[in-house]
Amino acid sequence: MSEINPEVNNIENFDAQQITESAEAGEQKLPTVNVSADYEASKEFSVSDIDRTSAGAEAAAAATAPKFPIPAPTDNIAKPADTSGNPDAFRSMAHDITPAGTPGEVTDDLMQKAIDLGTPGS
């Protein structure tokens, strides 16, 4: 059975250790990174060959074209806002949306009837 090293920070990759030792001995050259040159080279891969021609623009237009006809809006009816500030107009609109006496609505009469009947279980 093998032992497990509980100190994770002391574990070192064997390959990394070999590369470090050979670089220190001068046997191997460490790789260098030129970020600017790599970035400029990556720009060549970001655009495909077809996108550099007019065929690319045609292909993009065909790919993004709608599959179904889109009708133009027929009615542009401007509805003027009620600027009267009359609260009765709002109450009337609210009453049209939710008329009084709809099922599930709790009214003052319903509350009074519940109070008159008493509490459940009494």
PDB file of N, CA and C in Angstrom:
ATOM      1  N   MET A   1       0.839  -1.166   0.000  1.00  0.00           N
ATOM      2  CA  MET A   1       0.000   0.000   0.000  1.00  0.00           C
ATOM      3  C   MET A   1       0.890   1.236   0.000  1.00  0.00           C
ATOM      4  N   SER A   2       0.532   2.218  -0.791  1.00  0.00           N
ATOM      5  CA  SER A   2       1.364   3.416  -0.893  1.00  0.00           C
ATOM      6  C   SER A   2       0.905   4.464   0.094  1.00  0.00           C
ATOM      7  N   GLU A   3       1.838   5.326   0.431  1.00  0.00           N
ATOM      8  CA  GLU A   3       1.514   6.403   1.355  1.00  0.00           C
ATOM      9  C   GLU A   3       1.060   7.630   0.573  1.00  0.00           C
ATOM     10  N   ILE A   4       0.161   8.384   1.146  1.00  0.00           N
ATOM     11  CA  ILE A   4      -0.334   9.610   0.531  1.00  0.00           C
ATOM     12  C   ILE A   4       0.305  10.780   1.254  1.00  0.00           C
ATOM     13  N   ASN A   5       0.859  11.680   0.482  1.00  0.00           N
ATOM     14  CA  ASN A   5       1.499  12.852   1.056  1.00  0.00           C
ATOM     15  C   ASN A   5       0.413  13.854   1.433  1.00  0.00           C
ATOM     16  N   PRO A   6       0.218  14.152   2.710  1.00  0.00           N
ATOM     17  CA  PRO A   6      -0.836  15.088   3.092  1.00  0.00           C
ATOM     18  C   PRO A   6      -0.508  16.536   2.778  1.00  0.00           C
ATOM     19  N   GLU A   7       0.742  16.830   2.502  1.00  0.00           N
ATOM     20  CA  GLU A   7       1.138  18.197   2.200  1.00  0.00           C
ATOM     21  C   GLU A   7       1.058  18.421   0.694  1.00  0.00           C
ATOM     22  N   VAL A   8      -0.054  18.966   0.254  1.00  0.00           N
ATOM     23  CA  VAL A   8      -0.313  19.147  -1.168  1.00  0.00           C
ATOM     24  C   VAL A   8       0.667  20.143  -1.780  1.00  0.00           C
ATOM     25  N   ASN A   9       1.093  21.143  -1.043  1.00  0.00           N
ATOM     26  CA  ASN A   9       1.986  22.160  -1.579  1.00  0.00           C
ATOM     27  C   ASN A   9       3.375  21.614  -1.895  1.00  0.00           C
ATOM     28  N   ASN A  10       3.751  20.481  -1.300  1.00  0.00           N
ATOM     29  CA  ASN A  10       5.077  19.907  -1.531  1.00  0.00           C
ATOM     30  C   ASN A  10       5.107  18.968  -2.731  1.00  0.00           C
ATOM     31  N   ILE A  11       3.961  18.663  -3.298  1.00  0.00           N
ATOM     32  CA  ILE A  11       3.901  17.766  -4.447  1.00  0.00           C
ATOM     33  C   ILE A  11       4.348  18.545  -5.681  1.00  0.00           C
ATOM     34  N   GLU A  12       5.278  17.956  -6.444  1.00  0.00           N
ATOM     35  CA  GLU A  12       5.769  18.629  -7.643  1.00  0.00           C
ATOM     36  C   GLU A  12       5.657  17.682  -8.826  1.00  0.00           C
ATOM     37  N   ASN A  13       5.295  18.197  -9.936  1.00  0.00           N
ATOM     38  CA  ASN A  13       5.154  17.417 -11.152  1.00  0.00           C
ATOM     39  C   ASN A  13       6.537  16.989 -11.620  1.00  0.00           C
ATOM     40  N   PHE A  14       6.701  15.699 -11.907  1.00  0.00           N
ATOM     41  CA  PHE A  14       8.007  15.179 -12.300  1.00  0.00           C
ATOM     42  C   PHE A  14       8.483  15.796 -13.614  1.00  0.00           C
ATOM     43  N   ASP A  15       7.578  15.945 -14.576  1.00  0.00           N
ATOM     44  CA  ASP A  15       7.962  16.538 -15.865  1.00  0.00           C
ATOM     45  C   ASP A  15       8.425  17.979 -15.692  1.00  0.00           C
ATOM     46  N   ALA A  16       7.722  18.738 -14.880  1.00  0.00           N
ATOM     47  CA  ALA A  16       8.113  20.126 -14.643  1.00  0.00           C
ATOM     48  C   ALA A  16       9.469  20.194 -13.976  1.00  0.00           C
ATOM     49  N   GLN A  17       9.725  19.269 -13.069  1.00  0.00           N
ATOM     50  CA  GLN A  17      11.025  19.239 -12.394  1.00  0.00           C
ATOM     51  C   GLN A  17      12.138  18.898 -13.391  1.00  0.00           C
ATOM     52  N   GLN A  18      11.898  17.962 -14.281  1.00  0.00           N
ATOM     53  CA  GLN A  18      12.912  17.579 -15.276  1.00  0.00           C
ATOM     54  C   GLN A  18      13.218  18.742 -16.224  1.00  0.00           C
ATOM     55  N   ILE A  19      12.161  19.459 -16.664  1.00  0.00           N
ATOM     56  CA  ILE A  19      12.363  20.593 -17.570  1.00  0.00           C
ATOM     57  C   ILE A  19      13.160  21.688 -16.876  1.00  0.00           C
ATOM     58  N   THR A  20      12.843  21.943 -15.618  1.00  0.00           N
ATOM     59  CA  THR A  20      13.558  22.974 -14.865  1.00  0.00           C
ATOM     60  C   THR A  20      15.027  22.614 -14.708  1.00  0.00           C
ATOM     61  N   GLU A  21      15.294  21.368 -14.377  1.00  0.00           N
ATOM     62  CA  GLU A  21      16.683  20.936 -14.185  1.00  0.00           C
ATOM     63  C   GLU A  21      17.466  20.977 -15.498  1.00  0.00           C
ATOM     64  N   SER A  22      16.842  20.552 -16.589  1.00  0.00           N
ATOM     65  CA  SER A  22      17.561  20.550 -17.869  1.00  0.00           C
ATOM     66  C   SER A  22      17.773  21.979 -18.376  1.00  0.00           C
ATOM     67  N   ALA A  23      16.847  22.898 -18.074  1.00  0.00           N
ATOM     68  CA  ALA A  23      17.021  24.293 -18.470  1.00  0.00           C
ATOM     69  C   ALA A  23      18.127  24.946 -17.655  1.00  0.00           C
ATOM     70  N   GLU A  24      18.210  24.609 -16.367  1.00  0.00           N
ATOM     71  CA  GLU A  24      19.275  25.158 -15.530  1.00  0.00           C
ATOM     72  C   GLU A  24      20.646  24.634 -15.952  1.00  0.00           C
ATOM     73  N   ALA A  25      20.664  23.393 -16.431  1.00  0.00           N
ATOM     74  CA  ALA A  25      21.929  22.806 -16.868  1.00  0.00           C
ATOM     75  C   ALA A  25      22.311  23.276 -18.265  1.00  0.00           C
ATOM     76  N   GLY A  26      21.396  23.961 -18.951  1.00  0.00           N
ATOM     77  CA  GLY A  26      21.667  24.451 -20.292  1.00  0.00           C
ATOM     78  C   GLY A  26      21.415  23.427 -21.376  1.00  0.00           C
ATOM     79  N   GLU A  27      20.802  22.320 -21.034  1.00  0.00           N
ATOM     80  CA  GLU A  27      20.527  21.262 -22.010  1.00  0.00           C
ATOM     81  C   GLU A  27      19.281  21.570 -22.840  1.00  0.00           C
ATOM     82  N   GLN A  28      18.385  22.337 -22.284  1.00  0.00           N
ATOM     83  CA  GLN A  28      17.122  22.624 -22.959  1.00  0.00           C
ATOM     84  C   GLN A  28      16.847  24.115 -22.842  1.00  0.00           C
ATOM     85  N   LYS A  29      16.304  24.668 -23.918  1.00  0.00           N
ATOM     86  CA  LYS A  29      15.958  26.080 -23.930  1.00  0.00           C
ATOM     87  C   LYS A  29      14.490  26.234 -23.527  1.00  0.00           C
ATOM     88  N   LEU A  30      14.197  27.162 -22.627  1.00  0.00           N
ATOM     89  CA  LEU A  30      12.821  27.396 -22.206  1.00  0.00           C
ATOM     90  C   LEU A  30      12.048  28.114 -23.306  1.00  0.00           C
ATOM     91  N   PRO A  31      10.803  27.768 -23.487  1.00  0.00           N
ATOM     92  CA  PRO A  31      10.017  28.441 -24.525  1.00  0.00           C
ATOM     93  C   PRO A  31       9.751  29.902 -24.135  1.00  0.00           C
ATOM     94  N   THR A  32       9.713  30.756 -25.144  1.00  0.00           N
ATOM     95  CA  THR A  32       9.404  32.165 -24.899  1.00  0.00           C
ATOM     96  C   THR A  32       8.033  32.474 -25.502  1.00  0.00           C
ATOM     97  N   VAL A  33       7.382  33.453 -24.935  1.00  0.00           N
ATOM     98  CA  VAL A  33       6.050  33.834 -25.379  1.00  0.00           C
ATOM     99  C   VAL A  33       6.082  35.290 -25.785  1.00  0.00           C
ATOM    100  N   ASN A  34       5.608  35.556 -27.013  1.00  0.00           N
ATOM    101  CA  ASN A  34       5.481  36.921 -27.489  1.00  0.00           C
ATOM    102  C   ASN A  34       3.988  37.166 -27.681  1.00  0.00           C
ATOM    103  N   VAL A  35       3.375  37.800 -26.689  1.00  0.00           N
ATOM    104  CA  VAL A  35       1.923  37.966 -26.678  1.00  0.00           C
ATOM    105  C   VAL A  35       1.461  38.831 -27.845  1.00  0.00           C
ATOM    106  N   SER A  36       2.179  39.893 -28.149  1.00  0.00           N
ATOM    107  CA  SER A  36       1.769  40.784 -29.238  1.00  0.00           C
ATOM    108  C   SER A  36       1.771  40.059 -30.577  1.00  0.00           C
ATOM    109  N   ALA A  37       2.813  39.303 -30.841  1.00  0.00           N
ATOM    110  CA  ALA A  37       2.900  38.572 -32.112  1.00  0.00           C
ATOM    111  C   ALA A  37       1.828  37.488 -32.177  1.00  0.00           C
ATOM    112  N   ASP A  38       1.578  36.813 -31.060  1.00  0.00           N
ATOM    113  CA  ASP A  38       0.546  35.778 -31.042  1.00  0.00           C
ATOM    114  C   ASP A  38      -0.838  36.378 -31.270  1.00  0.00           C
ATOM    115  N   TYR A  39      -1.066  37.559 -30.719  1.00  0.00           N
ATOM    116  CA  TYR A  39      -2.358  38.216 -30.913  1.00  0.00           C
ATOM    117  C   TYR A  39      -2.544  38.608 -32.375  1.00  0.00           C
ATOM    118  N   GLU A  40      -1.511  39.172 -32.972  1.00  0.00           N
ATOM    119  CA  GLU A  40      -1.601  39.559 -34.388  1.00  0.00           C
ATOM    120  C   GLU A  40      -1.807  38.325 -35.268  1.00  0.00           C
ATOM    121  N   ALA A  41      -1.143  37.231 -34.943  1.00  0.00           N
ATOM    122  CA  ALA A  41      -1.318  36.007 -35.725  1.00  0.00           C
ATOM    123  C   ALA A  41      -2.721  35.430 -35.536  1.00  0.00           C
ATOM    124  N   SER A  42      -3.301  35.604 -34.358  1.00  0.00           N
ATOM    125  CA  SER A  42      -4.633  35.053 -34.113  1.00  0.00           C
ATOM    126  C   SER A  42      -5.701  35.780 -34.915  1.00  0.00           C
ATOM    127  N   LYS A  43      -5.431  37.019 -35.302  1.00  0.00           N
ATOM    128  CA  LYS A  43      -6.406  37.764 -36.099  1.00  0.00           C
ATOM    129  C   LYS A  43      -6.626  37.113 -37.458  1.00  0.00           C
ATOM    130  N   GLU A  44      -5.626  36.433 -37.964  1.00  0.00           N
ATOM    131  CA  GLU A  44      -5.769  35.747 -39.248  1.00  0.00           C
ATOM    132  C   GLU A  44      -6.795  34.624 -39.158  1.00  0.00           C
ATOM    133  N   PHE A  45      -6.919  34.006 -37.997  1.00  0.00           N
ATOM    134  CA  PHE A  45      -7.825  32.876 -37.845  1.00  0.00           C
ATOM    135  C   PHE A  45      -9.238  33.307 -37.468  1.00  0.00           C
ATOM    136  N   SER A  46      -9.438  34.567 -37.083  1.00  0.00           N
ATOM    137  CA  SER A  46     -10.749  34.991 -36.618  1.00  0.00           C
ATOM    138  C   SER A  46     -11.724  35.256 -37.765  1.00  0.00           C
ATOM    139  N   VAL A  47     -11.233  35.402 -38.986  1.00  0.00           N
ATOM    140  CA  VAL A  47     -12.086  35.648 -40.149  1.00  0.00           C
ATOM    141  C   VAL A  47     -11.817  34.547 -41.165  1.00  0.00           C
ATOM    142  N   SER A  48     -12.895  33.894 -41.616  1.00  0.00           N
ATOM    143  CA  SER A  48     -12.716  32.823 -42.590  1.00  0.00           C
ATOM    144  C   SER A  48     -12.474  33.404 -43.981  1.00  0.00           C
ATOM    145  N   ASP A  49     -11.996  32.552 -44.880  1.00  0.00           N
ATOM    146  CA  ASP A  49     -11.684  32.996 -46.243  1.00  0.00           C
ATOM    147  C   ASP A  49     -12.933  33.477 -46.972  1.00  0.00           C
ATOM    148  N   ILE A  50     -14.071  32.821 -46.745  1.00  0.00           N
ATOM    149  CA  ILE A  50     -15.289  33.212 -47.454  1.00  0.00           C
ATOM    150  C   ILE A  50     -15.786  34.579 -46.989  1.00  0.00           C
ATOM    151  N   ASP A  51     -15.492  34.925 -45.721  1.00  0.00           N
ATOM    152  CA  ASP A  51     -15.937  36.227 -45.207  1.00  0.00           C
ATOM    153  C   ASP A  51     -15.149  37.384 -45.804  1.00  0.00           C
ATOM    154  N   ARG A  52     -14.049  37.100 -46.444  1.00  0.00           N
ATOM    155  CA  ARG A  52     -13.247  38.151 -47.069  1.00  0.00           C
ATOM    156  C   ARG A  52     -13.737  38.467 -48.480  1.00  0.00           C
ATOM    157  N   THR A  53     -14.746  37.728 -48.955  1.00  0.00           N
ATOM    158  CA  THR A  53     -15.271  37.938 -50.307  1.00  0.00           C
ATOM    159  C   THR A  53     -16.727  38.395 -50.215  1.00  0.00           C
ATOM    160  N   SER A  54     -17.297  38.748 -51.355  1.00  0.00           N
ATOM    161  CA  SER A  54     -18.708  39.151 -51.370  1.00  0.00           C
ATOM    162  C   SER A  54     -19.622  37.947 -51.141  1.00  0.00           C
ATOM    163  N   ALA A  55     -19.128  36.761 -51.399  1.00  0.00           N
ATOM    164  CA  ALA A  55     -19.936  35.562 -51.159  1.00  0.00           C
ATOM    165  C   ALA A  55     -20.227  35.410 -49.665  1.00  0.00           C
ATOM    166  N   GLY A  56     -19.309  35.867 -48.832  1.00  0.00           N
ATOM    167  CA  GLY A  56     -19.531  35.798 -47.388  1.00  0.00           C
ATOM    168  C   GLY A  56     -20.671  36.692 -46.955  1.00  0.00           C
ATOM    169  N   ALA A  57     -20.746  37.882 -47.537  1.00  0.00           N
ATOM    170  CA  ALA A  57     -21.835  38.802 -47.212  1.00  0.00           C
ATOM    171  C   ALA A  57     -23.168  38.232 -47.679  1.00  0.00           C
ATOM    172  N   GLU A  58     -23.175  37.605 -48.844  1.00  0.00           N
ATOM    173  CA  GLU A  58     -24.401  36.989 -49.344  1.00  0.00           C
ATOM    174  C   GLU A  58     -24.833  35.822 -48.461  1.00  0.00           C
ATOM    175  N   ALA A  59     -23.867  35.024 -48.015  1.00  0.00           N
ATOM    176  CA  ALA A  59     -24.185  33.884 -47.147  1.00  0.00           C
ATOM    177  C   ALA A  59     -24.719  34.369 -45.802  1.00  0.00           C
ATOM    178  N   ALA A  60     -24.154  35.451 -45.282  1.00  0.00           N
ATOM    179  CA  ALA A  60     -24.626  35.991 -44.007  1.00  0.00           C
ATOM    180  C   ALA A  60     -26.041  36.541 -44.152  1.00  0.00           C
ATOM    181  N   ALA A  61     -26.319  37.208 -45.263  1.00  0.00           N
ATOM    182  CA  ALA A  61     -27.667  37.749 -45.492  1.00  0.00           C
ATOM    183  C   ALA A  61     -28.683  36.613 -45.622  1.00  0.00           C
ATOM    184  N   ALA A  62     -28.300  35.538 -46.301  1.00  0.00           N
ATOM    185  CA  ALA A  62     -29.206  34.402 -46.464  1.00  0.00           C
ATOM    186  C   ALA A  62     -29.443  33.701 -45.124  1.00  0.00           C
ATOM    187  N   ALA A  63     -28.410  33.634 -44.289  1.00  0.00           N
ATOM    188  CA  ALA A  63     -28.547  32.943 -43.008  1.00  0.00           C
ATOM    189  C   ALA A  63     -29.402  33.733 -42.027  1.00  0.00           C
ATOM    190  N   THR A  64     -29.391  35.036 -42.129  1.00  0.00           N
ATOM    191  CA  THR A  64     -30.134  35.847 -41.174  1.00  0.00           C
ATOM    192  C   THR A  64     -31.465  36.353 -41.715  1.00  0.00           C
ATOM    193  N   ALA A  65     -31.808  35.982 -42.937  1.00  0.00           N
ATOM    194  CA  ALA A  65     -33.076  36.420 -43.530  1.00  0.00           C
ATOM    195  C   ALA A  65     -34.237  35.729 -42.812  1.00  0.00           C
ATOM    196  N   PRO A  66     -35.362  36.424 -42.627  1.00  0.00           N
ATOM    197  CA  PRO A  66     -36.504  35.785 -41.971  1.00  0.00           C
ATOM    198  C   PRO A  66     -37.061  34.662 -42.840  1.00  0.00           C
ATOM    199  N   LYS A  67     -37.532  33.598 -42.193  1.00  0.00           N
ATOM    200  CA  LYS A  67     -38.060  32.448 -42.911  1.00  0.00           C
ATOM    201  C   LYS A  67     -39.521  32.627 -43.273  1.00  0.00           C
ATOM    202  N   PHE A  68     -40.207  33.529 -42.602  1.00  0.00           N
ATOM    203  CA  PHE A  68     -41.609  33.788 -42.854  1.00  0.00           C
ATOM    204  C   PHE A  68     -41.787  35.271 -43.136  1.00  0.00           C
ATOM    205  N   PRO A  69     -42.786  35.614 -43.939  1.00  0.00           N
ATOM    206  CA  PRO A  69     -43.000  37.040 -44.212  1.00  0.00           C
ATOM    207  C   PRO A  69     -43.434  37.774 -42.945  1.00  0.00           C
ATOM    208  N   ILE A  70     -42.915  38.962 -42.782  1.00  0.00           N
ATOM    209  CA  ILE A  70     -43.247  39.776 -41.620  1.00  0.00           C
ATOM    210  C   ILE A  70     -44.191  40.875 -42.083  1.00  0.00           C
ATOM    211  N   PRO A  71     -45.444  40.837 -41.630  1.00  0.00           N
ATOM    212  CA  PRO A  71     -46.399  41.856 -42.081  1.00  0.00           C
ATOM    213  C   PRO A  71     -46.091  43.207 -41.438  1.00  0.00           C
ATOM    214  N   ALA A  72     -46.368  44.231 -42.191  1.00  0.00           N
ATOM    215  CA  ALA A  72     -46.195  45.586 -41.659  1.00  0.00           C
ATOM    216  C   ALA A  72     -47.381  45.910 -40.771  1.00  0.00           C
ATOM    217  N   PRO A  73     -47.187  46.710 -39.753  1.00  0.00           N
ATOM    218  CA  PRO A  73     -48.325  47.060 -38.894  1.00  0.00           C
ATOM    219  C   PRO A  73     -49.372  47.836 -39.679  1.00  0.00           C
ATOM    220  N   THR A  74     -50.627  47.459 -39.473  1.00  0.00           N
ATOM    221  CA  THR A  74     -51.693  48.101 -40.242  1.00  0.00           C
ATOM    222  C   THR A  74     -52.312  49.272 -39.500  1.00  0.00           C
ATOM    223  N   ASP A  75     -52.379  49.189 -38.184  1.00  0.00           N
ATOM    224  CA  ASP A  75     -53.036  50.239 -37.416  1.00  0.00           C
ATOM    225  C   ASP A  75     -52.042  50.906 -36.479  1.00  0.00           C
ATOM    226  N   ASN A  76     -51.894  52.155 -36.650  1.00  0.00           N
ATOM    227  CA  ASN A  76     -51.130  52.965 -35.710  1.00  0.00           C
ATOM    228  C   ASN A  76     -52.099  53.946 -35.078  1.00  0.00           C
ATOM    229  N   ILE A  77     -52.924  53.405 -34.207  1.00  0.00           N
ATOM    230  CA  ILE A  77     -53.942  54.231 -33.576  1.00  0.00           C
ATOM    231  C   ILE A  77     -53.336  54.859 -32.332  1.00  0.00           C
ATOM    232  N   ALA A  78     -53.265  56.153 -32.335  1.00  0.00           N
ATOM    233  CA  ALA A  78     -52.765  56.864 -31.165  1.00  0.00           C
ATOM    234  C   ALA A  78     -53.912  57.056 -30.191  1.00  0.00           C
ATOM    235  N   LYS A  79     -53.714  56.548 -28.983  1.00  0.00           N
ATOM    236  CA  LYS A  79     -54.742  56.699 -27.964  1.00  0.00           C
ATOM    237  C   LYS A  79     -54.283  57.796 -27.013  1.00  0.00           C
ATOM    238  N   PRO A  80     -55.027  58.888 -26.982  1.00  0.00           N
ATOM    239  CA  PRO A  80     -54.606  59.974 -26.097  1.00  0.00           C
ATOM    240  C   PRO A  80     -54.775  59.584 -24.636  1.00  0.00           C
ATOM    241  N   ALA A  81     -53.845  60.016 -23.839  1.00  0.00           N
ATOM    242  CA  ALA A  81     -53.916  59.749 -22.411  1.00  0.00           C
ATOM    243  C   ALA A  81     -54.947  60.666 -21.770  1.00  0.00           C
ATOM    244  N   ASP A  82     -55.614  60.140 -20.753  1.00  0.00           N
ATOM    245  CA  ASP A  82     -56.594  60.946 -20.025  1.00  0.00           C
ATOM    246  C   ASP A  82     -55.828  61.811 -19.034  1.00  0.00           C
ATOM    247  N   THR A  83     -55.758  63.064 -19.323  1.00  0.00           N
ATOM    248  CA  THR A  83     -55.002  63.970 -18.472  1.00  0.00           C
ATOM    249  C   THR A  83     -55.887  64.729 -17.494  1.00  0.00           C
ATOM    250  N   SER A  84     -57.139  64.281 -17.352  1.00  0.00           N
ATOM    251  CA  SER A  84     -58.049  65.007 -16.466  1.00  0.00           C
ATOM    252  C   SER A  84     -57.683  64.803 -15.005  1.00  0.00           C
ATOM    253  N   GLY A  85     -57.073  63.659 -14.683  1.00  0.00           N
ATOM    254  CA  GLY A  85     -56.723  63.385 -13.296  1.00  0.00           C
ATOM    255  C   GLY A  85     -57.937  63.060 -12.446  1.00  0.00           C
ATOM    256  N   ASN A  86     -59.028  62.666 -13.077  1.00  0.00           N
ATOM    257  CA  ASN A  86     -60.268  62.372 -12.373  1.00  0.00           C
ATOM    258  C   ASN A  86     -60.196  60.949 -11.799  1.00  0.00           C
ATOM    259  N   PRO A  87     -60.235  60.774 -10.477  1.00  0.00           N
ATOM    260  CA  PRO A  87     -60.173  59.439  -9.884  1.00  0.00           C
ATOM    261  C   PRO A  87     -61.373  58.569 -10.254  1.00  0.00           C
ATOM    262  N   ASP A  88     -62.507  59.197 -10.553  1.00  0.00           N
ATOM    263  CA  ASP A  88     -63.685  58.409 -10.925  1.00  0.00           C
ATOM    264  C   ASP A  88     -63.459  57.669 -12.240  1.00  0.00           C
ATOM    265  N   ALA A  89     -62.683  58.270 -13.145  1.00  0.00           N
ATOM    266  CA  ALA A  89     -62.377  57.593 -14.408  1.00  0.00           C
ATOM    267  C   ALA A  89     -61.547  56.342 -14.142  1.00  0.00           C
ATOM    268  N   PHE A  90     -60.632  56.437 -13.194  1.00  0.00           N
ATOM    269  CA  PHE A  90     -59.822  55.261 -12.840  1.00  0.00           C
ATOM    270  C   PHE A  90     -60.689  54.199 -12.186  1.00  0.00           C
ATOM    271  N   ARG A  91     -61.551  54.597 -11.289  1.00  0.00           N
ATOM    272  CA  ARG A  91     -62.437  53.630 -10.628  1.00  0.00           C
ATOM    273  C   ARG A  91     -63.335  52.928 -11.644  1.00  0.00           C
ATOM    274  N   SER A  92     -63.814  53.691 -12.616  1.00  0.00           N
ATOM    275  CA  SER A  92     -64.662  53.114 -13.647  1.00  0.00           C
ATOM    276  C   SER A  92     -63.887  52.082 -14.456  1.00  0.00           C
ATOM    277  N   MET A  93     -62.648  52.416 -14.803  1.00  0.00           N
ATOM    278  CA  MET A  93     -61.827  51.469 -15.551  1.00  0.00           C
ATOM    279  C   MET A  93     -61.546  50.226 -14.708  1.00  0.00           C
ATOM    280  N   ALA A  94     -61.220  50.401 -13.432  1.00  0.00           N
ATOM    281  CA  ALA A  94     -60.949  49.265 -12.557  1.00  0.00           C
ATOM    282  C   ALA A  94     -62.194  48.405 -12.396  1.00  0.00           C
ATOM    283  N   HIS A  95     -63.367  49.020 -12.322  1.00  0.00           N
ATOM    284  CA  HIS A  95     -64.610  48.269 -12.198  1.00  0.00           C
ATOM    285  C   HIS A  95     -64.883  47.460 -13.468  1.00  0.00           C
ATOM    286  N   ASP A  96     -64.514  48.011 -14.635  1.00  0.00           N
ATOM    287  CA  ASP A  96     -64.691  47.272 -15.885  1.00  0.00           C
ATOM    288  C   ASP A  96     -63.800  46.037 -15.912  1.00  0.00           C
ATOM    289  N   ILE A  97     -62.610  46.168 -15.346  1.00  0.00           N
ATOM    290  CA  ILE A  97     -61.671  45.035 -15.355  1.00  0.00           C
ATOM    291  C   ILE A  97     -62.110  43.982 -14.347  1.00  0.00           C
ATOM    292  N   THR A  98     -62.442  44.378 -13.135  1.00  0.00           N
ATOM    293  CA  THR A  98     -62.867  43.458 -12.088  1.00  0.00           C
ATOM    294  C   THR A  98     -64.187  43.952 -11.517  1.00  0.00           C
ATOM    295  N   PRO A  99     -65.290  43.484 -12.074  1.00  0.00           N
ATOM    296  CA  PRO A  99     -66.585  43.956 -11.562  1.00  0.00           C
ATOM    297  C   PRO A  99     -66.820  43.451 -10.139  1.00  0.00           C
ATOM    298  N   ALA A 100     -67.610  44.207  -9.397  1.00  0.00           N
ATOM    299  CA  ALA A 100     -67.920  43.834  -8.005  1.00  0.00           C
ATOM    300  C   ALA A 100     -68.717  42.541  -7.987  1.00  0.00           C
ATOM    301  N   GLY A 101     -68.499  41.773  -6.957  1.00  0.00           N
ATOM    302  CA  GLY A 101     -69.255  40.546  -6.793  1.00  0.00           C
ATOM    303  C   GLY A 101     -68.658  39.353  -7.520  1.00  0.00           C
ATOM    304  N   THR A 102     -67.444  39.452  -7.971  1.00  0.00           N
ATOM    305  CA  THR A 102     -66.830  38.300  -8.624  1.00  0.00           C
ATOM    306  C   THR A 102     -66.493  37.262  -7.572  1.00  0.00           C
ATOM    307  N   PRO A 103     -66.525  35.985  -7.924  1.00  0.00           N
ATOM    308  CA  PRO A 103     -66.243  34.929  -6.949  1.00  0.00           C
ATOM    309  C   PRO A 103     -64.846  35.097  -6.356  1.00  0.00           C
ATOM    310  N   GLY A 104     -64.743  34.914  -5.048  1.00  0.00           N
ATOM    311  CA  GLY A 104     -63.469  35.019  -4.375  1.00  0.00           C
ATOM    312  C   GLY A 104     -63.153  36.405  -3.871  1.00  0.00           C
ATOM    313  N   GLU A 105     -63.982  37.372  -4.193  1.00  0.00           N
ATOM    314  CA  GLU A 105     -63.718  38.733  -3.759  1.00  0.00           C
ATOM    315  C   GLU A 105     -64.252  38.913  -2.338  1.00  0.00           C
ATOM    316  N   VAL A 106     -63.455  39.515  -1.494  1.00  0.00           N
ATOM    317  CA  VAL A 106     -63.857  39.755  -0.114  1.00  0.00           C
ATOM    318  C   VAL A 106     -64.375  41.181  -0.027  1.00  0.00           C
ATOM    319  N   THR A 107     -65.653  41.305   0.287  1.00  0.00           N
ATOM    320  CA  THR A 107     -66.270  42.629   0.416  1.00  0.00           C
ATOM    321  C   THR A 107     -66.553  42.908   1.886  1.00  0.00           C
ATOM    322  N   ASP A 108     -66.911  44.153   2.176  1.00  0.00           N
ATOM    323  CA  ASP A 108     -67.242  44.514   3.550  1.00  0.00           C
ATOM    324  C   ASP A 108     -68.465  43.741   4.036  1.00  0.00           C
ATOM    325  N   ASP A 109     -69.430  43.532   3.163  1.00  0.00           N
ATOM    326  CA  ASP A 109     -70.623  42.778   3.544  1.00  0.00           C
ATOM    327  C   ASP A 109     -70.270  41.345   3.909  1.00  0.00           C
ATOM    328  N   LEU A 110     -69.364  40.739   3.138  1.00  0.00           N
ATOM    329  CA  LEU A 110     -68.943  39.373   3.405  1.00  0.00           C
ATOM    330  C   LEU A 110     -68.201  39.298   4.738  1.00  0.00           C
ATOM    331  N   MET A 111     -67.385  40.289   5.031  1.00  0.00           N
ATOM    332  CA  MET A 111     -66.654  40.312   6.303  1.00  0.00           C
ATOM    333  C   MET A 111     -67.634  40.462   7.471  1.00  0.00           C
ATOM    334  N   GLN A 112     -68.616  41.339   7.319  1.00  0.00           N
ATOM    335  CA  GLN A 112     -69.600  41.541   8.387  1.00  0.00           C
ATOM    336  C   GLN A 112     -70.394  40.271   8.622  1.00  0.00           C
ATOM    337  N   LYS A 113     -70.745  39.570   7.566  1.00  0.00           N
ATOM    338  CA  LYS A 113     -71.496  38.316   7.704  1.00  0.00           C
ATOM    339  C   LYS A 113     -70.651  37.285   8.442  1.00  0.00           C
ATOM    340  N   ALA A 114     -69.362  37.249   8.151  1.00  0.00           N
ATOM    341  CA  ALA A 114     -68.468  36.301   8.832  1.00  0.00           C
ATOM    342  C   ALA A 114     -68.353  36.643  10.310  1.00  0.00           C
ATOM    343  N   ILE A 115     -68.287  37.929  10.639  1.00  0.00           N
ATOM    344  CA  ILE A 115     -68.202  38.338  12.027  1.00  0.00           C
ATOM    345  C   ILE A 115     -69.484  37.984  12.759  1.00  0.00           C
ATOM    346  N   ASP A 116     -70.630  38.201  12.109  1.00  0.00           N
ATOM    347  CA  ASP A 116     -71.916  37.894  12.723  1.00  0.00           C
ATOM    348  C   ASP A 116     -72.074  36.386  12.997  1.00  0.00           C
ATOM    349  N   LEU A 117     -71.550  35.565  12.106  1.00  0.00           N
ATOM    350  CA  LEU A 117     -71.676  34.104  12.293  1.00  0.00           C
ATOM    351  C   LEU A 117     -70.710  33.596  13.349  1.00  0.00           C
ATOM    352  N   GLY A 118     -69.655  34.324  13.621  1.00  0.00           N
ATOM    353  CA  GLY A 118     -68.714  33.907  14.655  1.00  0.00           C
ATOM    354  C   GLY A 118     -67.503  33.219  14.050  1.00  0.00           C
ATOM    355  N   THR A 119     -66.677  32.728  14.915  1.00  0.00           N
ATOM    356  CA  THR A 119     -65.440  32.073  14.478  1.00  0.00           C
ATOM    357  C   THR A 119     -65.695  30.605  14.259  1.00  0.00           C
ATOM    358  N   PRO A 120     -64.942  29.953  13.421  1.00  0.00           N
ATOM    359  CA  PRO A 120     -65.135  28.524  13.185  1.00  0.00           C
ATOM    360  C   PRO A 120     -64.867  27.728  14.447  1.00  0.00           C
ATOM    361  N   GLY A 121     -65.636  26.690  14.657  1.00  0.00           N
ATOM    362  CA  GLY A 121     -65.450  25.806  15.799  1.00  0.00           C
ATOM    363  C   GLY A 121     -66.107  26.299  17.080  1.00  0.00           C
ATOM    364  N   SER A 122     -66.805  27.394  17.029  1.00  0.00           N
ATOM    365  CA  SER A 122     -67.429  27.880  18.258  1.00  0.00           C
ATOM    366  C   SER A 122     -68.892  27.475  18.316  1.00  0.00           C
TER     367      SER A 122
END
